[in-house]
């Protein structure tokens, strides 16, 4: 809930700022500007986009009609979930402003109370934009309220990583590995994936460490650094600070580091498998030498396969996202109480 929009909750939104493409409207940003300013230009742009961000509300009655006005600077897509029930197709939004009129679907209103409806109450409306374009919220009208804790998953899962974490190349946001982990483990996902720009900045580590709204975290570190000009020593220094800062601030919460998933460096003639292995070993040794008992490791090569990648031989397709999600979820089940 925010002062500006008290009848909804903005999930995976750290703050809003004026939209520069519209008259009015509040751009939804996953990371505060005070933290984004320490990131690369691409990192600042990605963390001010809506990957796995949601506008959530519960209508006051099954007949209530809620109008939500959004805008985007270019054409985008959004899926309207009711609880865990997904629509049969995405809705196009933008460019410009668009008002959605929403009410509880008839058959969901008639559901038997004994039906297992999954992690979310089916009357929680979840507006889920796809990751490609920024989104601003302009107005919410109608009788509705933010969801109550009993209508949402009990625990939250925070994920940091690259475009793979952000969900690039998955057919939809709810098919990313982060979404699959959350669904498999009954969690609510907070996705801080940063396409092309997961450089493990210490300021971002401090920000995640200072947050107290998550119960388990995964840190997939980081093919963006392996593909850039970072040395393995620089990588080790950054990931050591990152994982130890996050795990040290929350000794009772599981923190899981994930090494590089299989990618083109491992399997192409022009690749550099030795460099990829050095980056994996650097993270592996940081976790092994960490003093924090709540820190554990998942080998990316154990949960991902080159045969499940898309044609760029970097990003997992839907089957790859499913395999990664299942593998990480299996590990989380062993470290969650």
Foldseek 3Di string as FASTA:
>chain_A
DDPVAQAKDKALFPAWDADPQADGFTWGFNDDPVLLVLFDPLQSVQRSAQLLIKIKKFAPDQPKKKKWKKEWCAKWWKWKAQFPRTDPDIDIHDHPMDIDIDGQDPVLVVDDPPDDRAFANRRMIIIGIFRDTIMTTGDMDIGIHYDDCVRGQVFEEEEEAEVLQSPPQEPGSCLRLQNLLCRLQSHRYNYSYRYLTRLLDLSVLLVLLPDDRHQEYEYEQYVSCLPDDDDLVNSLVSVLSNQLSNCVSPLNGAYEYEAAAFFDLCPDPPHPVVSSVSNRVSNVVSQVPHPRPSYYYDYNPVQADQVQCPPRRHHGYSVRSNSNSVVVSVVVVVRPD
